[in-house]
Amino acid sequence: MANPTQPNIKLVNSPDYRENYSNSVQIRVNVWDFFLVFGTLQQQTETQVELHNFQGIYLSPQQAKALMSLLQQNVSSYESAFGEIKLDPRVSPSGQVH
């Protein structure tokens, strides 16, 4: 079976497009979608951390899976070029990633 022809894609940023830095992402999942909440985590004192959420994005399960695949490919490429990315052992894989 022949593959369908891929369309030409033109990327256009909307007037409200913004770029931000995030060092925290929380993921909430339900049967219909994935909800990603991006924020910045700031250490206030030795025992106090503040998390400032600034953007929530809903993804369909299909888009979430496509994003997972793209992230895996890019993380693998990054590690091939720069070495293994070490995670903080205090962060549980099943919990939030900060």
PDB file of N, CA and C in Angstrom:
ATOM      1  N   MET A   1       0.841  -1.165   0.000  1.00  0.00           N
ATOM      2  CA  MET A   1       0.000   0.000   0.000  1.00  0.00           C
ATOM      3  C   MET A   1       0.892   1.235   0.000  1.00  0.00           C
ATOM      4  N   ALA A   2       0.606   2.195  -0.866  1.00  0.00           N
ATOM      5  CA  ALA A   2       1.412   3.412  -0.985  1.00  0.00           C
ATOM      6  C   ALA A   2       1.124   4.362   0.171  1.00  0.00           C
ATOM      7  N   ASN A   3       2.180   5.044   0.608  1.00  0.00           N
ATOM      8  CA  ASN A   3       2.014   6.060   1.651  1.00  0.00           C
ATOM      9  C   ASN A   3       1.383   7.307   1.057  1.00  0.00           C
ATOM     10  N   PRO A   4       0.455   7.947   1.777  1.00  0.00           N
ATOM     11  CA  PRO A   4      -0.124   9.185   1.253  1.00  0.00           C
ATOM     12  C   PRO A   4       0.925  10.296   1.225  1.00  0.00           C
ATOM     13  N   THR A   5       0.762  11.219   0.311  1.00  0.00           N
ATOM     14  CA  THR A   5       1.672  12.348   0.189  1.00  0.00           C
ATOM     15  C   THR A   5       1.532  13.246   1.414  1.00  0.00           C
ATOM     16  N   GLN A   6       2.659  13.639   1.991  1.00  0.00           N
ATOM     17  CA  GLN A   6       2.651  14.518   3.151  1.00  0.00           C
ATOM     18  C   GLN A   6       2.407  15.955   2.692  1.00  0.00           C
ATOM     19  N   PRO A   7       1.553  16.691   3.402  1.00  0.00           N
ATOM     20  CA  PRO A   7       1.300  18.082   3.014  1.00  0.00           C
ATOM     21  C   PRO A   7       2.484  18.972   3.398  1.00  0.00           C
ATOM     22  N   ASN A   8       2.602  20.101   2.728  1.00  0.00           N
ATOM     23  CA  ASN A   8       3.567  21.126   3.137  1.00  0.00           C
ATOM     24  C   ASN A   8       3.006  21.794   4.380  1.00  0.00           C
ATOM     25  N   ILE A   9       3.840  21.985   5.383  1.00  0.00           N
ATOM     26  CA  ILE A   9       3.394  22.590   6.639  1.00  0.00           C
ATOM     27  C   ILE A   9       4.058  23.948   6.786  1.00  0.00           C
ATOM     28  N   LYS A  10       3.239  24.962   7.032  1.00  0.00           N
ATOM     29  CA  LYS A  10       3.735  26.313   7.272  1.00  0.00           C
ATOM     30  C   LYS A  10       3.521  26.620   8.743  1.00  0.00           C
ATOM     31  N   LEU A  11       4.604  26.904   9.475  1.00  0.00           N
ATOM     32  CA  LEU A  11       4.518  27.237  10.890  1.00  0.00           C
ATOM     33  C   LEU A  11       4.267  28.731  11.044  1.00  0.00           C
ATOM     34  N   VAL A  12       3.190  29.059  11.760  1.00  0.00           N
ATOM     35  CA  VAL A  12       2.834  30.454  12.000  1.00  0.00           C
ATOM     36  C   VAL A  12       2.577  30.617  13.492  1.00  0.00           C
ATOM     37  N   ASN A  13       3.287  31.531  14.141  1.00  0.00           N
ATOM     38  CA  ASN A  13       3.054  31.811  15.559  1.00  0.00           C
ATOM     39  C   ASN A  13       1.885  32.771  15.694  1.00  0.00           C
ATOM     40  N   SER A  14       0.956  32.440  16.586  1.00  0.00           N
ATOM     41  CA  SER A  14      -0.169  33.326  16.841  1.00  0.00           C
ATOM     42  C   SER A  14       0.321  34.558  17.601  1.00  0.00           C
ATOM     43  N   PRO A  15      -0.462  35.644  17.614  1.00  0.00           N
ATOM     44  CA  PRO A  15      -0.026  36.862  18.313  1.00  0.00           C
ATOM     45  C   PRO A  15       0.252  36.648  19.815  1.00  0.00           C
ATOM     46  N   ASP A  16      -0.414  35.657  20.429  1.00  0.00           N
ATOM     47  CA  ASP A  16      -0.194  35.432  21.858  1.00  0.00           C
ATOM     48  C   ASP A  16       0.864  34.362  22.136  1.00  0.00           C
ATOM     49  N   TYR A  17       1.624  33.956  21.121  1.00  0.00           N
ATOM     50  CA  TYR A  17       2.695  32.976  21.301  1.00  0.00           C
ATOM     51  C   TYR A  17       3.753  33.525  22.250  1.00  0.00           C
ATOM     52  N   ARG A  18       4.182  32.678  23.201  1.00  0.00           N
ATOM     53  CA  ARG A  18       5.236  33.048  24.154  1.00  0.00           C
ATOM     54  C   ARG A  18       6.163  31.852  24.362  1.00  0.00           C
ATOM     55  N   GLU A  19       7.397  32.131  24.688  1.00  0.00           N
ATOM     56  CA  GLU A  19       8.338  31.091  25.095  1.00  0.00           C
ATOM     57  C   GLU A  19       8.685  31.327  26.545  1.00  0.00           C
ATOM     58  N   ASN A  20       8.757  30.246  27.319  1.00  0.00           N
ATOM     59  CA  ASN A  20       9.096  30.323  28.735  1.00  0.00           C
ATOM     60  C   ASN A  20      10.029  29.184  29.092  1.00  0.00           C
ATOM     61  N   TYR A  21      10.696  29.334  30.215  1.00  0.00           N
ATOM     62  CA  TYR A  21      11.519  28.272  30.794  1.00  0.00           C
ATOM     63  C   TYR A  21      10.705  27.589  31.875  1.00  0.00           C
ATOM     64  N   SER A  22      10.753  26.268  31.918  1.00  0.00           N
ATOM     65  CA  SER A  22      10.077  25.515  32.965  1.00  0.00           C
ATOM     66  C   SER A  22      11.044  24.490  33.541  1.00  0.00           C
ATOM     67  N   ASN A  23      11.082  24.406  34.872  1.00  0.00           N
ATOM     68  CA  ASN A  23      11.854  23.344  35.517  1.00  0.00           C
ATOM     69  C   ASN A  23      10.930  22.457  36.351  1.00  0.00           C
ATOM     70  N   SER A  24       9.631  22.556  36.047  1.00  0.00           N
ATOM     71  CA  SER A  24       8.643  21.717  36.730  1.00  0.00           C
ATOM     72  C   SER A  24       7.509  21.420  35.763  1.00  0.00           C
ATOM     73  N   VAL A  25       7.089  20.170  35.732  1.00  0.00           N
ATOM     74  CA  VAL A  25       5.893  19.801  34.966  1.00  0.00           C
ATOM     75  C   VAL A  25       5.103  18.793  35.792  1.00  0.00           C
ATOM     76  N   GLN A  26       3.828  19.039  35.881  1.00  0.00           N
ATOM     77  CA  GLN A  26       2.916  18.123  36.557  1.00  0.00           C
ATOM     78  C   GLN A  26       1.991  17.559  35.484  1.00  0.00           C
ATOM     79  N   ILE A  27       1.640  16.296  35.599  1.00  0.00           N
ATOM     80  CA  ILE A  27       0.780  15.659  34.600  1.00  0.00           C
ATOM     81  C   ILE A  27      -0.431  15.074  35.298  1.00  0.00           C
ATOM     82  N   ARG A  28      -1.583  15.435  34.803  1.00  0.00           N
ATOM     83  CA  ARG A  28      -2.846  14.869  35.277  1.00  0.00           C
ATOM     84  C   ARG A  28      -3.477  14.141  34.105  1.00  0.00           C
ATOM     85  N   VAL A  29      -3.990  12.944  34.359  1.00  0.00           N
ATOM     86  CA  VAL A  29      -4.522  12.113  33.290  1.00  0.00           C
ATOM     87  C   VAL A  29      -5.952  11.708  33.618  1.00  0.00           C
ATOM     88  N   ASN A  30      -6.806  11.745  32.596  1.00  0.00           N
ATOM     89  CA  ASN A  30      -8.127  11.138  32.722  1.00  0.00           C
ATOM     90  C   ASN A  30      -8.418  10.375  31.438  1.00  0.00           C
ATOM     91  N   VAL A  31      -9.590   9.833  31.316  1.00  0.00           N
ATOM     92  CA  VAL A  31      -9.899   8.975  30.176  1.00  0.00           C
ATOM     93  C   VAL A  31      -9.868   9.731  28.844  1.00  0.00           C
ATOM     94  N   TRP A  32     -10.088  11.047  28.855  1.00  0.00           N
ATOM     95  CA  TRP A  32     -10.174  11.816  27.619  1.00  0.00           C
ATOM     96  C   TRP A  32      -8.903  12.531  27.227  1.00  0.00           C
ATOM     97  N   ASP A  33      -8.084  12.928  28.220  1.00  0.00           N
ATOM     98  CA  ASP A  33      -6.930  13.740  27.870  1.00  0.00           C
ATOM     99  C   ASP A  33      -5.842  13.700  28.932  1.00  0.00           C
ATOM    100  N   PHE A  34      -4.717  14.288  28.563  1.00  0.00           N
ATOM    101  CA  PHE A  34      -3.580  14.502  29.453  1.00  0.00           C
ATOM    102  C   PHE A  34      -3.495  16.006  29.675  1.00  0.00           C
ATOM    103  N   PHE A  35      -3.264  16.425  30.906  1.00  0.00           N
ATOM    104  CA  PHE A  35      -3.152  17.843  31.220  1.00  0.00           C
ATOM    105  C   PHE A  35      -1.770  18.081  31.794  1.00  0.00           C
ATOM    106  N   LEU A  36      -0.952  18.862  31.098  1.00  0.00           N
ATOM    107  CA  LEU A  36       0.408  19.186  31.533  1.00  0.00           C
ATOM    108  C   LEU A  36       0.411  20.596  32.092  1.00  0.00           C
ATOM    109  N   VAL A  37       0.914  20.751  33.308  1.00  0.00           N
ATOM    110  CA  VAL A  37       1.012  22.061  33.958  1.00  0.00           C
ATOM    111  C   VAL A  37       2.496  22.386  34.105  1.00  0.00           C
ATOM    112  N   PHE A  38       2.919  23.478  33.473  1.00  0.00           N
ATOM    113  CA  PHE A  38       4.315  23.895  33.487  1.00  0.00           C
ATOM    114  C   PHE A  38       4.506  25.027  34.488  1.00  0.00           C
ATOM    115  N   GLY A  39       5.650  25.016  35.155  1.00  0.00           N
ATOM    116  CA  GLY A  39       5.940  26.056  36.129  1.00  0.00           C
ATOM    117  C   GLY A  39       7.421  26.152  36.401  1.00  0.00           C
ATOM    118  N   THR A  40       7.739  27.033  37.323  1.00  0.00           N
ATOM    119  CA  THR A  40       9.117  27.163  37.782  1.00  0.00           C
ATOM    120  C   THR A  40       9.153  26.937  39.284  1.00  0.00           C
ATOM    121  N   LEU A  41      10.087  26.115  39.687  1.00  0.00           N
ATOM    122  CA  LEU A  41      10.294  25.778  41.086  1.00  0.00           C
ATOM    123  C   LEU A  41      11.418  26.658  41.603  1.00  0.00           C
ATOM    124  N   GLN A  42      11.178  27.338  42.722  1.00  0.00           N
ATOM    125  CA  GLN A  42      12.182  28.238  43.277  1.00  0.00           C
ATOM    126  C   GLN A  42      12.404  27.904  44.745  1.00  0.00           C
ATOM    127  N   GLN A  43      13.661  27.648  45.102  1.00  0.00           N
ATOM    128  CA  GLN A  43      14.044  27.368  46.484  1.00  0.00           C
ATOM    129  C   GLN A  43      14.078  28.681  47.247  1.00  0.00           C
ATOM    130  N   GLN A  44      13.172  28.854  48.222  1.00  0.00           N
ATOM    131  CA  GLN A  44      13.121  30.088  48.999  1.00  0.00           C
ATOM    132  C   GLN A  44      14.073  30.038  50.198  1.00  0.00           C
ATOM    133  N   THR A  45      14.037  28.910  50.906  1.00  0.00           N
ATOM    134  CA  THR A  45      14.948  28.664  52.022  1.00  0.00           C
ATOM    135  C   THR A  45      15.338  27.199  51.943  1.00  0.00           C
ATOM    136  N   GLU A  46      16.120  26.741  52.900  1.00  0.00           N
ATOM    137  CA  GLU A  46      16.538  25.336  52.900  1.00  0.00           C
ATOM    138  C   GLU A  46      15.347  24.384  52.977  1.00  0.00           C
ATOM    139  N   THR A  47      14.268  24.820  53.622  1.00  0.00           N
ATOM    140  CA  THR A  47      13.105  23.944  53.812  1.00  0.00           C
ATOM    141  C   THR A  47      11.855  24.427  53.079  1.00  0.00           C
ATOM    142  N   GLN A  48      11.951  25.530  52.346  1.00  0.00           N
ATOM    143  CA  GLN A  48      10.779  26.090  51.677  1.00  0.00           C
ATOM    144  C   GLN A  48      11.014  26.208  50.173  1.00  0.00           C
ATOM    145  N   VAL A  49      10.108  25.602  49.396  1.00  0.00           N
ATOM    146  CA  VAL A  49      10.162  25.675  47.939  1.00  0.00           C
ATOM    147  C   VAL A  49       8.844  26.249  47.450  1.00  0.00           C
ATOM    148  N   GLU A  50       8.900  27.154  46.484  1.00  0.00           N
ATOM    149  CA  GLU A  50       7.687  27.687  45.870  1.00  0.00           C
ATOM    150  C   GLU A  50       7.626  27.223  44.429  1.00  0.00           C
ATOM    151  N   LEU A  51       6.445  26.825  44.006  1.00  0.00           N
ATOM    152  CA  LEU A  51       6.210  26.397  42.638  1.00  0.00           C
ATOM    153  C   LEU A  51       5.226  27.372  42.011  1.00  0.00           C
ATOM    154  N   HIS A  52       5.666  28.059  40.962  1.00  0.00           N
ATOM    155  CA  HIS A  52       4.833  29.039  40.270  1.00  0.00           C
ATOM    156  C   HIS A  52       4.408  28.446  38.929  1.00  0.00           C
ATOM    157  N   ASN A  53       3.158  27.997  38.833  1.00  0.00           N
ATOM    158  CA  ASN A  53       2.640  27.465  37.580  1.00  0.00           C
ATOM    159  C   ASN A  53       2.272  28.614  36.653  1.00  0.00           C
ATOM    160  N   PHE A  54       2.605  28.479  35.370  1.00  0.00           N
ATOM    161  CA  PHE A  54       2.299  29.554  34.426  1.00  0.00           C
ATOM    162  C   PHE A  54       1.559  29.103  33.185  1.00  0.00           C
ATOM    163  N   GLN A  55       1.478  27.790  32.915  1.00  0.00           N
ATOM    164  CA  GLN A  55       0.792  27.354  31.699  1.00  0.00           C
ATOM    165  C   GLN A  55       0.276  25.943  31.853  1.00  0.00           C
ATOM    166  N   GLY A  56      -0.969  25.724  31.461  1.00  0.00           N
ATOM    167  CA  GLY A  56      -1.549  24.392  31.411  1.00  0.00           C
ATOM    168  C   GLY A  56      -1.903  24.062  29.976  1.00  0.00           C
ATOM    169  N   ILE A  57      -1.561  22.864  29.542  1.00  0.00           N
ATOM    170  CA  ILE A  57      -1.808  22.435  28.165  1.00  0.00           C
ATOM    171  C   ILE A  57      -2.529  21.083  28.191  1.00  0.00           C
ATOM    172  N   TYR A  58      -3.660  20.996  27.494  1.00  0.00           N
ATOM    173  CA  TYR A  58      -4.363  19.738  27.336  1.00  0.00           C
ATOM    174  C   TYR A  58      -3.886  19.055  26.056  1.00  0.00           C
ATOM    175  N   LEU A  59      -3.637  17.747  26.142  1.00  0.00           N
ATOM    176  CA  LEU A  59      -3.263  16.942  24.987  1.00  0.00           C
ATOM    177  C   LEU A  59      -4.194  15.745  24.880  1.00  0.00           C
ATOM    178  N   SER A  60      -4.515  15.366  23.657  1.00  0.00           N
ATOM    179  CA  SER A  60      -5.248  14.120  23.459  1.00  0.00           C
ATOM    180  C   SER A  60      -4.302  12.965  23.791  1.00  0.00           C
ATOM    181  N   PRO A  61      -4.831  11.786  24.091  1.00  0.00           N
ATOM    182  CA  PRO A  61      -3.940  10.643  24.338  1.00  0.00           C
ATOM    183  C   PRO A  61      -3.008  10.371  23.153  1.00  0.00           C
ATOM    184  N   GLN A  62      -3.491  10.583  21.942  1.00  0.00           N
ATOM    185  CA  GLN A  62      -2.664  10.353  20.754  1.00  0.00           C
ATOM    186  C   GLN A  62      -1.510  11.359  20.686  1.00  0.00           C
ATOM    187  N   GLN A  63      -1.800  12.633  20.984  1.00  0.00           N
ATOM    188  CA  GLN A  63      -0.740  13.645  20.981  1.00  0.00           C
ATOM    189  C   GLN A  63       0.244  13.403  22.118  1.00  0.00           C
ATOM    190  N   ALA A  64      -0.241  12.948  23.269  1.00  0.00           N
ATOM    191  CA  ALA A  64       0.647  12.645  24.395  1.00  0.00           C
ATOM    192  C   ALA A  64       1.616  11.525  24.020  1.00  0.00           C
ATOM    193  N   LYS A  65       1.105  10.502  23.331  1.00  0.00           N
ATOM    194  CA  LYS A  65       1.971   9.395  22.921  1.00  0.00           C
ATOM    195  C   LYS A  65       2.976   9.849  21.866  1.00  0.00           C
ATOM    196  N   ALA A  66       2.537  10.691  20.932  1.00  0.00           N
ATOM    197  CA  ALA A  66       3.453  11.218  19.918  1.00  0.00           C
ATOM    198  C   ALA A  66       4.533  12.071  20.580  1.00  0.00           C
ATOM    199  N   LEU A  67       4.150  12.904  21.560  1.00  0.00           N
ATOM    200  CA  LEU A  67       5.116  13.728  22.295  1.00  0.00           C
ATOM    201  C   LEU A  67       6.114  12.853  23.040  1.00  0.00           C
ATOM    202  N   MET A  68       5.626  11.782  23.671  1.00  0.00           N
ATOM    203  CA  MET A  68       6.512  10.864  24.390  1.00  0.00           C
ATOM    204  C   MET A  68       7.563  10.288  23.435  1.00  0.00           C
ATOM    205  N   SER A  69       7.145   9.898  22.250  1.00  0.00           N
ATOM    206  CA  SER A  69       8.069   9.329  21.274  1.00  0.00           C
ATOM    207  C   SER A  69       9.104  10.359  20.823  1.00  0.00           C
ATOM    208  N   LEU A  70       8.649  11.573  20.540  1.00  0.00           N
ATOM    209  CA  LEU A  70       9.577  12.632  20.125  1.00  0.00           C
ATOM    210  C   LEU A  70      10.561  12.986  21.234  1.00  0.00           C
ATOM    211  N   LEU A  71      10.075  13.065  22.470  1.00  0.00           N
ATOM    212  CA  LEU A  71      10.970  13.356  23.590  1.00  0.00           C
ATOM    213  C   LEU A  71      12.005  12.243  23.762  1.00  0.00           C
ATOM    214  N   GLN A  72      11.569  10.980  23.642  1.00  0.00           N
ATOM    215  CA  GLN A  72      12.503   9.861  23.800  1.00  0.00           C
ATOM    216  C   GLN A  72      13.602   9.913  22.739  1.00  0.00           C
ATOM    217  N   GLN A  73      13.209  10.189  21.497  1.00  0.00           N
ATOM    218  CA  GLN A  73      14.197  10.288  20.418  1.00  0.00           C
ATOM    219  C   GLN A  73      15.194  11.414  20.696  1.00  0.00           C
ATOM    220  N   ASN A  74      14.687  12.561  21.139  1.00  0.00           N
ATOM    221  CA  ASN A  74      15.553  13.716  21.372  1.00  0.00           C
ATOM    222  C   ASN A  74      16.420  13.552  22.608  1.00  0.00           C
ATOM    223  N   VAL A  75      15.902  12.929  23.660  1.00  0.00           N
ATOM    224  CA  VAL A  75      16.720  12.654  24.846  1.00  0.00           C
ATOM    225  C   VAL A  75      17.830  11.665  24.488  1.00  0.00           C
ATOM    226  N   SER A  76      17.507  10.643  23.708  1.00  0.00           N
ATOM    227  CA  SER A  76      18.537   9.677  23.286  1.00  0.00           C
ATOM    228  C   SER A  76      19.621  10.359  22.469  1.00  0.00           C
ATOM    229  N   SER A  77      19.227  11.241  21.561  1.00  0.00           N
ATOM    230  CA  SER A  77      20.216  11.976  20.756  1.00  0.00           C
ATOM    231  C   SER A  77      21.081  12.877  21.631  1.00  0.00           C
ATOM    232  N   TYR A  78      20.446  13.558  22.581  1.00  0.00           N
ATOM    233  CA  TYR A  78      21.173  14.438  23.499  1.00  0.00           C
ATOM    234  C   TYR A  78      22.191  13.632  24.295  1.00  0.00           C
ATOM    235  N   GLU A  79      21.768  12.480  24.844  1.00  0.00           N
ATOM    236  CA  GLU A  79      22.676  11.662  25.653  1.00  0.00           C
ATOM    237  C   GLU A  79      23.804  11.080  24.805  1.00  0.00           C
ATOM    238  N   SER A  80      23.521  10.769  23.543  1.00  0.00           N
ATOM    239  CA  SER A  80      24.590  10.288  22.663  1.00  0.00           C
ATOM    240  C   SER A  80      25.647  11.358  22.454  1.00  0.00           C
ATOM    241  N   ALA A  81      25.208  12.611  22.374  1.00  0.00           N
ATOM    242  CA  ALA A  81      26.135  13.713  22.129  1.00  0.00           C
ATOM    243  C   ALA A  81      26.833  14.203  23.392  1.00  0.00           C
ATOM    244  N   PHE A  82      26.099  14.233  24.528  1.00  0.00           N
ATOM    245  CA  PHE A  82      26.617  14.906  25.729  1.00  0.00           C
ATOM    246  C   PHE A  82      26.747  14.012  26.960  1.00  0.00           C
ATOM    247  N   GLY A  83      26.318  12.768  26.887  1.00  0.00           N
ATOM    248  CA  GLY A  83      26.398  11.874  28.031  1.00  0.00           C
ATOM    249  C   GLY A  83      25.055  11.722  28.724  1.00  0.00           C
ATOM    250  N   GLU A  84      25.007  10.746  29.618  1.00  0.00           N
ATOM    251  CA  GLU A  84      23.768  10.416  30.310  1.00  0.00           C
ATOM    252  C   GLU A  84      23.251  11.574  31.160  1.00  0.00           C
ATOM    253  N   ILE A  85      21.949  11.782  31.112  1.00  0.00           N
ATOM    254  CA  ILE A  85      21.293  12.776  31.958  1.00  0.00           C
ATOM    255  C   ILE A  85      20.981  12.094  33.282  1.00  0.00           C
ATOM    256  N   LYS A  86      21.508  12.632  34.370  1.00  0.00           N
ATOM    257  CA  LYS A  86      21.279  12.066  35.705  1.00  0.00           C
ATOM    258  C   LYS A  86      20.055  12.720  36.333  1.00  0.00           C
ATOM    259  N   LEU A  87      19.184  11.916  36.931  1.00  0.00           N
ATOM    260  CA  LEU A  87      18.016  12.421  37.642  1.00  0.00           C
ATOM    261  C   LEU A  87      18.280  12.414  39.138  1.00  0.00           C
ATOM    262  N   ASP A  88      17.657  13.343  39.838  1.00  0.00           N
ATOM    263  CA  ASP A  88      17.754  13.411  41.291  1.00  0.00           C
ATOM    264  C   ASP A  88      17.107  12.158  41.869  1.00  0.00           C
ATOM    265  N   PRO A  89      17.839  11.346  42.643  1.00  0.00           N
ATOM    266  CA  PRO A  89      17.281  10.100  43.174  1.00  0.00           C
ATOM    267  C   PRO A  89      16.126  10.321  44.143  1.00  0.00           C
ATOM    268  N   ARG A  90      15.966  11.549  44.650  1.00  0.00           N
ATOM    269  CA  ARG A  90      14.864  11.826  45.573  1.00  0.00           C
ATOM    270  C   ARG A  90      13.527  11.964  44.855  1.00  0.00           C
ATOM    271  N   VAL A  91      13.564  12.092  43.519  1.00  0.00           N
ATOM    272  CA  VAL A  91      12.332  12.259  42.751  1.00  0.00           C
ATOM    273  C   VAL A  91      11.847  10.889  42.302  1.00  0.00           C
ATOM    274  N   SER A  92      10.652  10.545  42.698  1.00  0.00           N
ATOM    275  CA  SER A  92      10.061   9.250  42.349  1.00  0.00           C
ATOM    276  C   SER A  92       9.588   9.268  40.901  1.00  0.00           C
ATOM    277  N   PRO A  93       9.838   8.190  40.115  1.00  0.00           N
ATOM    278  CA  PRO A  93       9.372   8.147  38.732  1.00  0.00           C
ATOM    279  C   PRO A  93       7.860   8.228  38.603  1.00  0.00           C
ATOM    280  N   SER A  94       7.136   7.825  39.639  1.00  0.00           N
ATOM    281  CA  SER A  94       5.671   7.856  39.551  1.00  0.00           C
ATOM    282  C   SER A  94       5.096   9.168  40.041  1.00  0.00           C
ATOM    283  N   GLY A  95       5.931  10.041  40.573  1.00  0.00           N
ATOM    284  CA  GLY A  95       5.448  11.321  41.109  1.00  0.00           C
ATOM    285  C   GLY A  95       5.677  12.449  40.124  1.00  0.00           C
ATOM    286  N   GLN A  96       5.617  13.644  40.618  1.00  0.00           N
ATOM    287  CA  GLN A  96       5.842  14.817  39.791  1.00  0.00           C
ATOM    288  C   GLN A  96       7.334  14.974  39.546  1.00  0.00           C
ATOM    289  N   VAL A  97       7.671  15.495  38.382  1.00  0.00           N
ATOM    290  CA  VAL A  97       9.058  15.782  38.048  1.00  0.00           C
ATOM    291  C   VAL A  97       9.253  17.270  38.180  1.00  0.00           C
ATOM    292  N   HIS A  98      10.223  17.684  39.022  1.00  0.00           N
ATOM    293  CA  HIS A  98      10.527  19.100  39.219  1.00  0.00           C
ATOM    294  C   HIS A  98      11.928  19.361  38.737  1.00  0.00           C
TER     295      HIS A  98
END
